[in-house]
C-alpha atoms as a PDB file:
ATOM      1  CA  MET A   1     197.657 260.194 198.198  1.00  0.00           C
ATOM      2  CA  THR A   2     198.498 259.255 194.623  1.00  0.00           C
ATOM      3  CA  GLU A   3     197.333 255.813 193.476  1.00  0.00           C
ATOM      4  CA  TYR A   4     199.852 253.899 191.356  1.00  0.00           C
ATOM      5  CA  ARG A   5     198.776 251.280 188.847  1.00  0.00           C
ATOM      6  CA  GLU A   6     200.759 248.071 188.708  1.00  0.00           C
ATOM      7  CA  ALA A   7     201.028 245.621 185.815  1.00  0.00           C
ATOM      8  CA  ASP A   8     199.345 242.293 186.556  1.00  0.00           C
ATOM      9  CA  PHE A   9     202.193 239.805 186.135  1.00  0.00           C
ATOM     10  CA  SER A  10     199.808 236.881 186.642  1.00  0.00           C
ATOM     11  CA  ARG A  11     198.437 237.555 183.157  1.00  0.00           C
ATOM     12  CA  LEU A  12     201.835 237.374 181.427  1.00  0.00           C
ATOM     13  CA  LYS A  13     202.169 234.764 178.662  1.00  0.00           C
ATOM     14  CA  THR A  14     205.347 232.684 178.745  1.00  0.00           C
ATOM     15  CA  VAL A  15     206.734 230.454 175.988  1.00  0.00           C
ATOM     16  CA  PRO A  16     208.636 227.138 176.088  1.00  0.00           C
ATOM     17  CA  ILE A  17     212.389 227.659 175.846  1.00  0.00           C
ATOM     18  CA  ALA A  18     212.457 224.988 173.127  1.00  0.00           C
ATOM     19  CA  GLN A  19     210.563 227.411 170.883  1.00  0.00           C
ATOM     20  CA  ARG A  20     213.001 230.268 171.495  1.00  0.00           C
ATOM     21  CA  SER A  21     215.794 231.042 169.041  1.00  0.00           C
ATOM     22  CA  ASN A  22     219.187 231.207 170.807  1.00  0.00           C
ATOM     23  CA  LYS A  23     222.318 233.057 169.681  1.00  0.00           C
ATOM     24  CA  VAL A  24     224.675 230.938 171.812  1.00  0.00           C
ATOM     25  CA  ASP A  25     224.999 227.176 172.111  1.00  0.00           C
ATOM     26  CA  PRO A  26     227.838 224.892 173.314  1.00  0.00           C
ATOM     27  CA  SER A  27     229.322 224.563 169.825  1.00  0.00           C
ATOM     28  CA  LEU A  28     230.242 228.260 169.864  1.00  0.00           C
ATOM     29  CA  LEU A  29     232.015 228.360 173.205  1.00  0.00           C
ATOM     30  CA  ALA A  30     235.755 228.800 173.779  1.00  0.00           C
ATOM     31  CA  HIS A  31     237.792 225.642 174.288  1.00  0.00           C
ATOM     32  CA  PRO A  32     240.039 225.191 177.329  1.00  0.00           C
ATOM     33  CA  ARG A  33     243.768 224.819 176.774  1.00  0.00           C
ATOM     34  CA  GLY A  34     244.741 221.248 175.990  1.00  0.00           C
ATOM     35  CA  ARG A  35     247.974 219.422 175.272  1.00  0.00           C
ATOM     36  CA  ASP A  36     248.259 221.016 171.847  1.00  0.00           C
ATOM     37  CA  THR A  37     249.794 224.426 172.531  1.00  0.00           C
ATOM     38  CA  SER A  38     250.300 225.486 168.906  1.00  0.00           C
ATOM     39  CA  PHE A  39     248.959 228.713 167.455  1.00  0.00           C
ATOM     40  CA  ALA A  40     246.502 226.685 165.388  1.00  0.00           C
ATOM     41  CA  ALA A  41     245.090 225.159 168.572  1.00  0.00           C
ATOM     42  CA  PHE A  42     244.850 228.566 170.226  1.00  0.00           C
ATOM     43  CA  TRP A  43     243.094 229.991 167.166  1.00  0.00           C
ATOM     44  CA  ALA A  44     240.625 227.106 167.101  1.00  0.00           C
ATOM     45  CA  SER A  45     239.958 227.566 170.810  1.00  0.00           C
ATOM     46  CA  LEU A  46     238.514 231.051 170.426  1.00  0.00           C
ATOM     47  CA  PRO A  47     234.736 231.358 170.804  1.00  0.00           C
ATOM     48  CA  ASP A  48     232.837 231.655 167.534  1.00  0.00           C
ATOM     49  CA  ILE A  49     231.061 234.747 168.815  1.00  0.00           C
ATOM     50  CA  LEU A  50     231.191 238.515 168.159  1.00  0.00           C
ATOM     51  CA  ALA A  51     234.713 239.931 167.621  1.00  0.00           C
ATOM     52  CA  ALA A  52     236.406 236.513 167.588  1.00  0.00           C
ATOM     53  CA  LYS A  53     234.012 235.413 164.856  1.00  0.00           C
ATOM     54  CA  ASP A  54     234.663 238.616 162.897  1.00  0.00           C
ATOM     55  CA  LEU A  55     238.424 238.204 163.301  1.00  0.00           C
ATOM     56  CA  ARG A  56     238.196 234.677 161.911  1.00  0.00           C
ATOM     57  CA  TYR A  57     236.171 235.942 158.969  1.00  0.00           C
ATOM     58  CA  VAL A  58     238.678 238.657 158.075  1.00  0.00           C
ATOM     59  CA  ALA A  59     241.611 236.237 158.349  1.00  0.00           C
ATOM     60  CA  ALA A  60     239.796 233.756 156.094  1.00  0.00           C
ATOM     61  CA  GLN A  61     239.020 236.451 153.519  1.00  0.00           C
ATOM     62  CA  LEU A  62     242.655 237.575 153.476  1.00  0.00           C
ATOM     63  CA  ALA A  63     243.892 234.015 152.982  1.00  0.00           C
ATOM     64  CA  GLN A  64     241.359 233.402 150.209  1.00  0.00           C
ATOM     65  CA  ALA A  65     242.286 236.661 148.476  1.00  0.00           C
ATOM     66  CA  ALA A  66     246.021 235.851 148.479  1.00  0.00           C
ATOM     67  CA  ALA A  67     247.358 235.673 144.914  1.00  0.00           C
ATOM     68  CA  ARG A  68     243.829 235.939 143.496  1.00  0.00           C
ATOM     69  CA  ARG A  69     242.396 239.314 144.512  1.00  0.00           C
ATOM     70  CA  ALA A  70     243.753 242.635 145.697  1.00  0.00           C
ATOM     71  CA  VAL A  71     244.497 243.239 149.360  1.00  0.00           C
ATOM     72  CA  VAL A  72     245.007 246.942 150.025  1.00  0.00           C
ATOM     73  CA  ALA A  73     246.602 247.717 153.404  1.00  0.00           C
ATOM     74  CA  MET A  74     246.234 251.332 154.544  1.00  0.00           C
ATOM     75  CA  LEU A  75     248.398 252.370 157.508  1.00  0.00           C
ATOM     76  CA  GLY A  76     248.540 255.068 160.118  1.00  0.00           C
ATOM     77  CA  GLY A  77     251.807 256.026 161.788  1.00  0.00           C
ATOM     78  CA  HIS A  78     251.146 254.332 165.118  1.00  0.00           C
ATOM     79  CA  VAL A  79     251.107 250.916 163.437  1.00  0.00           C
ATOM     80  CA  ILE A  80     254.725 251.360 162.346  1.00  0.00           C
ATOM     81  CA  LYS A  81     256.072 252.935 165.511  1.00  0.00           C
ATOM     82  CA  VAL A  82     254.705 250.146 167.722  1.00  0.00           C
ATOM     83  CA  GLY A  83     256.716 247.641 165.709  1.00  0.00           C
ATOM     84  CA  LEU A  84     254.336 246.061 163.206  1.00  0.00           C
ATOM     85  CA  GLY A  85     256.406 246.403 160.065  1.00  0.00           C
ATOM     86  CA  PRO A  86     257.807 242.835 160.278  1.00  0.00           C
ATOM     87  CA  PRO A  87     254.455 240.955 160.312  1.00  0.00           C
ATOM     88  CA  LEU A  88     253.197 243.162 157.474  1.00  0.00           C
ATOM     89  CA  LEU A  89     256.393 242.426 155.557  1.00  0.00           C
ATOM     90  CA  GLU A  90     255.687 238.718 155.965  1.00  0.00           C
ATOM     91  CA  LEU A  91     252.228 239.181 154.440  1.00  0.00           C
ATOM     92  CA  MET A  92     253.891 240.937 151.508  1.00  0.00           C
ATOM     93  CA  LYS A  93     256.400 238.106 151.099  1.00  0.00           C
ATOM     94  CA  ARG A  94     253.561 235.582 150.997  1.00  0.00           C
ATOM     95  CA  GLY A  95     251.681 237.470 148.319  1.00  0.00           C
ATOM     96  CA  VAL A  96     248.820 238.633 150.526  1.00  0.00           C
ATOM     97  CA  ILE A  97     249.233 242.430 150.468  1.00  0.00           C
ATOM     98  CA  THR A  98     249.101 243.762 146.900  1.00  0.00           C
ATOM     99  CA  HIS A  99     249.072 247.515 147.584  1.00  0.00           C
ATOM    100  CA  LEU A 100     250.579 249.350 150.549  1.00  0.00           C
ATOM    101  CA  ALA A 101     249.159 252.810 151.241  1.00  0.00           C
ATOM    102  CA  MET A 102     250.381 254.993 154.109  1.00  0.00           C
ATOM    103  CA  ASN A 103     249.702 258.360 155.599  1.00  0.00           C
ATOM    104  CA  GLY A 104     252.678 260.674 155.980  1.00  0.00           C
ATOM    105  CA  SER A 105     253.505 259.745 159.562  1.00  0.00           C
ATOM    106  CA  ALA A 106     253.688 256.035 158.723  1.00  0.00           C
ATOM    107  CA  ALA A 107     256.189 256.808 155.966  1.00  0.00           C
ATOM    108  CA  ILE A 108     258.274 258.969 158.326  1.00  0.00           C
ATOM    109  CA  HIS A 109     258.453 256.327 161.063  1.00  0.00           C
ATOM    110  CA  ASP A 110     259.369 253.660 158.502  1.00  0.00           C
ATOM    111  CA  PHE A 111     262.027 255.849 156.854  1.00  0.00           C
ATOM    112  CA  GLU A 112     263.610 256.771 160.208  1.00  0.00           C
ATOM    113  CA  LEU A 113     263.725 253.162 161.381  1.00  0.00           C
ATOM    114  CA  ALA A 114     265.368 252.055 158.138  1.00  0.00           C
ATOM    115  CA  ALA A 115     267.841 254.918 157.820  1.00  0.00           C
ATOM    116  CA  TYR A 116     268.720 255.792 161.408  1.00  0.00           C
ATOM    117  CA  GLY A 117     267.601 252.837 163.506  1.00  0.00           C
ATOM    118  CA  GLY A 118     265.174 254.807 165.675  1.00  0.00           C
ATOM    119  CA  THR A 119     261.939 256.794 165.571  1.00  0.00           C
ATOM    120  CA  SER A 120     259.156 258.273 167.750  1.00  0.00           C
ATOM    121  CA  GLU A 121     260.448 261.316 169.619  1.00  0.00           C
ATOM    122  CA  ASP A 122     259.147 262.762 172.898  1.00  0.00           C
ATOM    123  CA  VAL A 123     256.605 265.239 171.519  1.00  0.00           C
ATOM    124  CA  SER A 124     255.874 267.018 174.791  1.00  0.00           C
ATOM    125  CA  ALA A 125     259.526 267.658 175.571  1.00  0.00           C
ATOM    126  CA  GLY A 126     260.306 268.849 172.062  1.00  0.00           C
ATOM    127  CA  LEU A 127     257.234 271.053 171.862  1.00  0.00           C
ATOM    128  CA  ALA A 128     258.258 272.911 175.010  1.00  0.00           C
ATOM    129  CA  ASP A 129     261.494 274.208 173.477  1.00  0.00           C
ATOM    130  CA  GLY A 130     260.500 274.203 169.801  1.00  0.00           C
ATOM    131  CA  THR A 131     262.672 271.236 168.776  1.00  0.00           C
ATOM    132  CA  PHE A 132     259.763 268.873 168.098  1.00  0.00           C
ATOM    133  CA  GLY A 133     259.954 267.601 164.521  1.00  0.00           C
ATOM    134  CA  MET A 134     263.196 269.460 163.784  1.00  0.00           C
ATOM    135  CA  ALA A 135     265.445 266.461 163.118  1.00  0.00           C
ATOM    136  CA  GLU A 136     267.817 267.702 160.431  1.00  0.00           C
ATOM    137  CA  GLU A 137     268.479 264.419 158.636  1.00  0.00           C
ATOM    138  CA  THR A 138     264.843 263.276 158.497  1.00  0.00           C
ATOM    139  CA  GLY A 139     263.615 266.497 156.926  1.00  0.00           C
ATOM    140  CA  ARG A 140     266.561 266.946 154.611  1.00  0.00           C
ATOM    141  CA  GLU A 141     266.687 263.408 153.264  1.00  0.00           C
ATOM    142  CA  MET A 142     262.968 262.745 152.954  1.00  0.00           C
ATOM    143  CA  ASN A 143     262.327 266.088 151.282  1.00  0.00           C
ATOM    144  CA  ALA A 144     265.247 265.496 148.920  1.00  0.00           C
ATOM    145  CA  ALA A 145     263.715 262.165 147.948  1.00  0.00           C
ATOM    146  CA  ILE A 146     260.283 263.712 147.413  1.00  0.00           C
ATOM    147  CA  ASN A 147     261.682 266.626 145.418  1.00  0.00           C
ATOM    148  CA  GLU A 148     263.608 264.228 143.191  1.00  0.00           C
ATOM    149  CA  GLY A 149     260.512 262.112 142.771  1.00  0.00           C
ATOM    150  CA  ALA A 150     258.480 265.113 141.679  1.00  0.00           C
ATOM    151  CA  LEU A 151     261.076 266.059 139.048  1.00  0.00           C
ATOM    152  CA  ALA A 152     261.053 262.483 137.747  1.00  0.00           C
ATOM    153  CA  GLY A 153     257.245 262.366 137.578  1.00  0.00           C
ATOM    154  CA  GLY A 154     257.001 259.707 140.293  1.00  0.00           C
ATOM    155  CA  GLY A 155     254.927 259.137 143.389  1.00  0.00           C
ATOM    156  CA  MET A 156     255.923 259.829 146.971  1.00  0.00           C
ATOM    157  CA  GLY A 157     256.039 256.200 148.075  1.00  0.00           C
ATOM    158  CA  GLU A 158     258.080 255.229 145.039  1.00  0.00           C
ATOM    159  CA  ALA A 159     260.476 258.154 145.609  1.00  0.00           C
ATOM    160  CA  LEU A 160     261.078 257.371 149.290  1.00  0.00           C
ATOM    161  CA  ALA A 161     261.659 253.678 148.597  1.00  0.00           C
ATOM    162  CA  ALA A 162     264.044 254.455 145.736  1.00  0.00           C
ATOM    163  CA  TYR A 163     266.016 256.849 147.944  1.00  0.00           C
ATOM    164  CA  LEU A 164     266.406 254.214 150.647  1.00  0.00           C
ATOM    165  CA  GLU A 165     267.520 251.650 148.055  1.00  0.00           C
ATOM    166  CA  ARG A 166     270.339 253.828 146.802  1.00  0.00           C
ATOM    167  CA  ARG A 167     271.302 255.330 150.171  1.00  0.00           C
ATOM    168  CA  GLY A 168     274.802 254.270 151.105  1.00  0.00           C
ATOM    169  CA  SER A 169     274.105 252.963 154.586  1.00  0.00           C
ATOM    170  CA  LEU A 170     270.929 251.875 156.347  1.00  0.00           C
ATOM    171  CA  ALA A 171     270.636 251.072 160.047  1.00  0.00           C
ATOM    172  CA  ALA A 172     267.724 248.627 159.731  1.00  0.00           C
ATOM    173  CA  PRO A 173     266.733 247.928 156.112  1.00  0.00           C
ATOM    174  CA  GLN A 174     265.012 244.695 157.125  1.00  0.00           C
ATOM    175  CA  ALA A 175     262.457 246.683 159.136  1.00  0.00           C
ATOM    176  CA  SER A 176     261.289 248.893 156.276  1.00  0.00           C
ATOM    177  CA  ILE A 177     257.973 248.211 154.576  1.00  0.00           C
ATOM    178  CA  LEU A 178     258.766 250.955 152.052  1.00  0.00           C
ATOM    179  CA  LEU A 179     261.793 248.931 150.965  1.00  0.00           C
ATOM    180  CA  GLY A 180     260.017 245.613 151.311  1.00  0.00           C
ATOM    181  CA  ALA A 181     257.190 246.680 149.029  1.00  0.00           C
ATOM    182  CA  ALA A 182     259.514 248.141 146.400  1.00  0.00           C
ATOM    183  CA  GLN A 183     261.743 245.058 146.392  1.00  0.00           C
ATOM    184  CA  ARG A 184     258.692 242.895 145.664  1.00  0.00           C
ATOM    185  CA  SER A 185     257.223 245.267 143.055  1.00  0.00           C
ATOM    186  CA  ILE A 186     254.225 245.972 145.288  1.00  0.00           C
ATOM    187  CA  PRO A 187     252.783 249.454 144.709  1.00  0.00           C
ATOM    188  CA  VAL A 188     253.533 251.645 147.718  1.00  0.00           C
ATOM    189  CA  THR A 189     251.808 255.004 148.004  1.00  0.00           C
ATOM    190  CA  VAL A 190     252.028 257.822 150.554  1.00  0.00           C
ATOM    191  CA  HIS A 191     249.114 260.177 151.088  1.00  0.00           C
ATOM    192  CA  ALA A 192     250.227 263.456 152.650  1.00  0.00           C
ATOM    193  CA  ALA A 193     248.153 266.090 154.426  1.00  0.00           C
ATOM    194  CA  VAL A 194     250.281 269.198 153.948  1.00  0.00           C
ATOM    195  CA  GLY A 195     251.250 270.678 157.300  1.00  0.00           C
ATOM    196  CA  ALA A 196     250.474 267.512 159.233  1.00  0.00           C
ATOM    197  CA  GLU A 197     253.947 265.946 159.113  1.00  0.00           C
ATOM    198  CA  ILE A 198     257.256 266.962 160.671  1.00  0.00           C
ATOM    199  CA  ILE A 199     259.064 267.062 157.316  1.00  0.00           C
ATOM    200  CA  HIS A 200     256.695 269.812 156.173  1.00  0.00           C
ATOM    201  CA  GLN A 201     258.145 272.190 158.773  1.00  0.00           C
ATOM    202  CA  HIS A 202     261.679 271.667 157.473  1.00  0.00           C
ATOM    203  CA  PRO A 203     263.441 274.388 155.429  1.00  0.00           C
ATOM    204  CA  THR A 204     263.764 272.007 152.460  1.00  0.00           C
ATOM    205  CA  ALA A 205     260.042 271.212 152.211  1.00  0.00           C
ATOM    206  CA  ASP A 206     258.551 272.013 148.807  1.00  0.00           C
ATOM    207  CA  GLY A 207     254.757 272.214 148.748  1.00  0.00           C
ATOM    208  CA  ALA A 208     254.603 271.696 144.996  1.00  0.00           C
ATOM    209  CA  ALA A 209     256.662 268.506 145.240  1.00  0.00           C
ATOM    210  CA  LEU A 210     254.599 267.212 148.152  1.00  0.00           C
ATOM    211  CA  GLY A 211     251.406 267.869 146.254  1.00  0.00           C
ATOM    212  CA  ALA A 212     252.572 266.443 142.940  1.00  0.00           C
ATOM    213  CA  THR A 213     253.939 263.187 144.354  1.00  0.00           C
ATOM    214  CA  SER A 214     251.063 262.589 146.747  1.00  0.00           C
ATOM    215  CA  HIS A 215     248.464 263.353 144.051  1.00  0.00           C
ATOM    216  CA  ARG A 216     250.155 260.862 141.756  1.00  0.00           C
ATOM    217  CA  ASP A 217     249.943 258.292 144.550  1.00  0.00           C
ATOM    218  CA  PHE A 218     246.240 259.064 144.898  1.00  0.00           C
ATOM    219  CA  LYS A 219     245.788 258.174 141.214  1.00  0.00           C
ATOM    220  CA  ARG A 220     247.784 254.974 141.715  1.00  0.00           C
ATOM    221  CA  LEU A 221     245.677 253.925 144.688  1.00  0.00           C
ATOM    222  CA  ALA A 222     242.495 254.515 142.684  1.00  0.00           C
ATOM    223  CA  ALA A 223     243.847 252.313 139.897  1.00  0.00           C
ATOM    224  CA  SER A 224     244.655 249.498 142.340  1.00  0.00           C
ATOM    225  CA  LEU A 225     241.144 249.371 143.789  1.00  0.00           C
ATOM    226  CA  LEU A 226     239.656 247.597 140.772  1.00  0.00           C
ATOM    227  CA  GLY A 227     241.456 244.465 141.998  1.00  0.00           C
ATOM    228  CA  LEU A 228     239.226 244.424 145.085  1.00  0.00           C
ATOM    229  CA  HIS A 229     236.241 243.412 142.964  1.00  0.00           C
ATOM    230  CA  ASP A 230     234.499 240.213 144.020  1.00  0.00           C
ATOM    231  CA  GLY A 231     236.622 238.947 146.879  1.00  0.00           C
ATOM    232  CA  GLY A 232     239.356 241.460 147.671  1.00  0.00           C
ATOM    233  CA  VAL A 233     240.067 242.984 151.073  1.00  0.00           C
ATOM    234  CA  VAL A 234     240.856 246.520 152.185  1.00  0.00           C
ATOM    235  CA  LEU A 235     242.404 246.939 155.636  1.00  0.00           C
ATOM    236  CA  ASN A 236     242.505 250.266 157.434  1.00  0.00           C
ATOM    237  CA  LEU A 237     245.105 249.829 160.155  1.00  0.00           C
ATOM    238  CA  GLY A 238     245.250 252.689 162.607  1.00  0.00           C
ATOM    239  CA  SER A 239     244.380 255.684 160.443  1.00  0.00           C
ATOM    240  CA  ALA A 240     241.490 257.679 161.910  1.00  0.00           C
ATOM    241  CA  VAL A 241     241.224 260.444 159.298  1.00  0.00           C
ATOM    242  CA  VAL A 242     243.579 260.623 156.314  1.00  0.00           C
ATOM    243  CA  MET A 243     243.394 257.119 154.862  1.00  0.00           C
ATOM    244  CA  PRO A 244     239.600 256.719 155.294  1.00  0.00           C
ATOM    245  CA  GLU A 245     239.067 260.032 153.494  1.00  0.00           C
ATOM    246  CA  VAL A 246     241.546 259.179 150.733  1.00  0.00           C
ATOM    247  CA  PHE A 247     240.056 255.709 150.292  1.00  0.00           C
ATOM    248  CA  LEU A 248     236.501 256.986 149.911  1.00  0.00           C
ATOM    249  CA  LYS A 249     237.488 259.402 147.148  1.00  0.00           C
ATOM    250  CA  ALA A 250     239.716 256.853 145.415  1.00  0.00           C
ATOM    251  CA  LEU A 251     236.834 254.373 145.469  1.00  0.00           C
ATOM    252  CA  ALA A 252     234.547 256.946 143.860  1.00  0.00           C
ATOM    253  CA  VAL A 253     237.154 257.464 141.115  1.00  0.00           C
ATOM    254  CA  ALA A 254     237.512 253.706 140.558  1.00  0.00           C
ATOM    255  CA  ARG A 255     233.767 253.116 140.333  1.00  0.00           C
ATOM    256  CA  ASN A 256     233.428 256.076 137.977  1.00  0.00           C
ATOM    257  CA  LEU A 257     236.127 254.725 135.656  1.00  0.00           C
ATOM    258  CA  TYR A 258     235.371 250.996 135.870  1.00  0.00           C
ATOM    259  CA  GLY A 259     231.608 250.787 135.497  1.00  0.00           C
ATOM    260  CA  GLY A 260     230.700 250.713 139.179  1.00  0.00           C
ATOM    261  CA  LYS A 261     233.482 248.331 140.208  1.00  0.00           C
ATOM    262  CA  PRO A 262     234.843 247.293 142.644  1.00  0.00           C
ATOM    263  CA  THR A 263     232.052 245.734 144.641  1.00  0.00           C
ATOM    264  CA  GLY A 264     231.777 242.582 146.727  1.00  0.00           C
ATOM    265  CA  PHE A 265     234.882 243.096 148.846  1.00  0.00           C
ATOM    266  CA  THR A 266     235.606 242.947 152.572  1.00  0.00           C
ATOM    267  CA  ALA A 267     236.423 246.247 154.297  1.00  0.00           C
ATOM    268  CA  CYS A 268     237.971 246.026 157.757  1.00  0.00           C
ATOM    269  CA  ASP A 269     239.000 248.757 160.178  1.00  0.00           C
ATOM    270  CA  CYS A 270     241.449 247.792 162.946  1.00  0.00           C
ATOM    271  CA  ASP A 271     242.070 250.446 165.557  1.00  0.00           C
ATOM    272  CA  MET A 272     242.307 251.022 169.297  1.00  0.00           C
ATOM    273  CA  GLN A 273     238.971 252.819 169.366  1.00  0.00           C
ATOM    274  CA  ARG A 274     236.061 253.215 166.995  1.00  0.00           C
ATOM    275  CA  GLN A 275     236.149 256.441 165.034  1.00  0.00           C
ATOM    276  CA  TYR A 276     233.544 258.040 162.776  1.00  0.00           C
ATOM    277  CA  ARG A 277     235.493 258.248 159.517  1.00  0.00           C
ATOM    278  CA  PRO A 278     236.830 254.667 159.448  1.00  0.00           C
ATOM    279  CA  ARG A 279     233.358 253.368 160.283  1.00  0.00           C
ATOM    280  CA  ALA A 280     231.570 255.503 157.701  1.00  0.00           C
ATOM    281  CA  ASN A 281     234.172 255.747 154.919  1.00  0.00           C
ATOM    282  CA  VAL A 282     235.754 252.287 155.060  1.00  0.00           C
ATOM    283  CA  VAL A 283     233.362 249.893 156.783  1.00  0.00           C
ATOM    284  CA  GLU A 284     229.846 251.101 155.968  1.00  0.00           C
ATOM    285  CA  ARG A 285     229.482 253.272 152.868  1.00  0.00           C
ATOM    286  CA  PRO A 286     231.681 251.260 150.468  1.00  0.00           C
ATOM    287  CA  THR A 287     230.007 247.942 151.319  1.00  0.00           C
ATOM    288  CA  LEU A 288     226.419 249.193 151.631  1.00  0.00           C
ATOM    289  CA  ALA A 289     226.664 250.722 148.158  1.00  0.00           C
ATOM    290  CA  GLY A 290     228.280 247.709 146.536  1.00  0.00           C
ATOM    291  CA  GLY A 291     227.778 244.553 148.528  1.00  0.00           C
ATOM    292  CA  GLY A 292     230.565 242.889 150.433  1.00  0.00           C
ATOM    293  CA  ARG A 293     230.944 243.145 154.165  1.00  0.00           C
ATOM    294  CA  GLY A 294     232.321 245.744 156.551  1.00  0.00           C
ATOM    295  CA  ILE A 295     233.867 244.873 159.918  1.00  0.00           C
ATOM    296  CA  GLN A 296     235.399 246.856 162.772  1.00  0.00           C
ATOM    297  CA  LEU A 297     237.921 245.121 165.015  1.00  0.00           C
ATOM    298  CA  THR A 298     238.851 247.114 168.090  1.00  0.00           C
ATOM    299  CA  GLY A 299     241.998 246.548 170.126  1.00  0.00           C
ATOM    300  CA  HIS A 300     245.600 247.572 170.668  1.00  0.00           C
ATOM    301  CA  HIS A 301     247.499 247.508 167.377  1.00  0.00           C
ATOM    302  CA  GLU A 302     250.465 245.665 168.860  1.00  0.00           C
ATOM    303  CA  ILE A 303     248.208 242.750 169.858  1.00  0.00           C
ATOM    304  CA  LEU A 304     245.392 242.704 167.318  1.00  0.00           C
ATOM    305  CA  ILE A 305     247.393 243.056 164.097  1.00  0.00           C
ATOM    306  CA  PRO A 306     249.995 240.328 164.846  1.00  0.00           C
ATOM    307  CA  LEU A 307     247.130 238.019 165.805  1.00  0.00           C
ATOM    308  CA  LEU A 308     245.461 238.671 162.454  1.00  0.00           C
ATOM    309  CA  CYS A 309     248.733 238.227 160.532  1.00  0.00           C
ATOM    310  CA  TRP A 310     249.541 234.947 162.295  1.00  0.00           C
ATOM    311  CA  ALA A 311     246.078 233.607 161.542  1.00  0.00           C
ATOM    312  CA  VAL A 312     246.421 234.395 157.837  1.00  0.00           C
ATOM    313  CA  LEU A 313     249.855 232.770 157.639  1.00  0.00           C
ATOM    314  CA  GLU A 314     248.579 229.721 159.519  1.00  0.00           C
ATOM    315  CA  SER A 315     245.820 229.343 156.960  1.00  0.00           C
ATOM    316  CA  LEU A 316     248.261 229.662 154.065  1.00  0.00           C
ATOM    317  CA  ASP A 317     250.620 227.104 155.610  1.00  0.00           C
ATOM    318  CA  ALA A 318     247.752 224.630 155.978  1.00  0.00           C
ATOM    319  CA  ARG A 319     247.040 224.581 152.250  1.00  0.00           C
END
């Protein structure tokens, strides 16, 4: 029969709890709901631990950066189609967001909401009969705008916003962040992955125009990144691939041109799940190489992003 050795617990050395360093104490705990039911009271009631602590930090950095440092907001399409244009517009109005960068799907959802009053088709149903992405007006009008922008030597974001501004009738102009950015002279750039968007499968799509306008927007994003130096914030909101890849290359261009700057900024990824590229290309590599701090906040866009926006506005109102 096999003999098993057992550790002699009677010889273990214990230590007084007073000598132990603790990560949690009563000052960090959540507060129960009281008579004050304002957002400020709710915000103050959150525990000062883990994600709540990180969320507070990002909100504070955004409020501190307002009107003093760049805040670059990079968007994926889901952020727009779940209804988050209005809170982002409010951050633009208050001078918080200084550059708006979008992948192609974000621009499409925003354009459709503004022009036609609806977006987000049933992909499965449309894929079954080949009608997915074949909306005539979306492809025709957006490609016309991009083609005109290429001829004028402009960027894709600029071209789409200008087209909406001069379009005769808009169903929901107040919902458009393309329009909102342009009306406030905030650089708006669109970063296309050719073949990834529904307007690329339209008969009027012009690969040369898509490439020229999106490449110009890449240069414009790179130029904006210098403003992140020493206190700016970059937000990646719901883009798992395109914007993290574009940002990393634009940052390399900026640091090449501007003597290693920007450094010392906050980089935050907000998404429903943690993905490799946002973690590596937005949160970790840019801050490890140049100081600053990287944070990942994980949660549903339609809950997490309004919470962050409200907290920033609350801080600005308290000044």
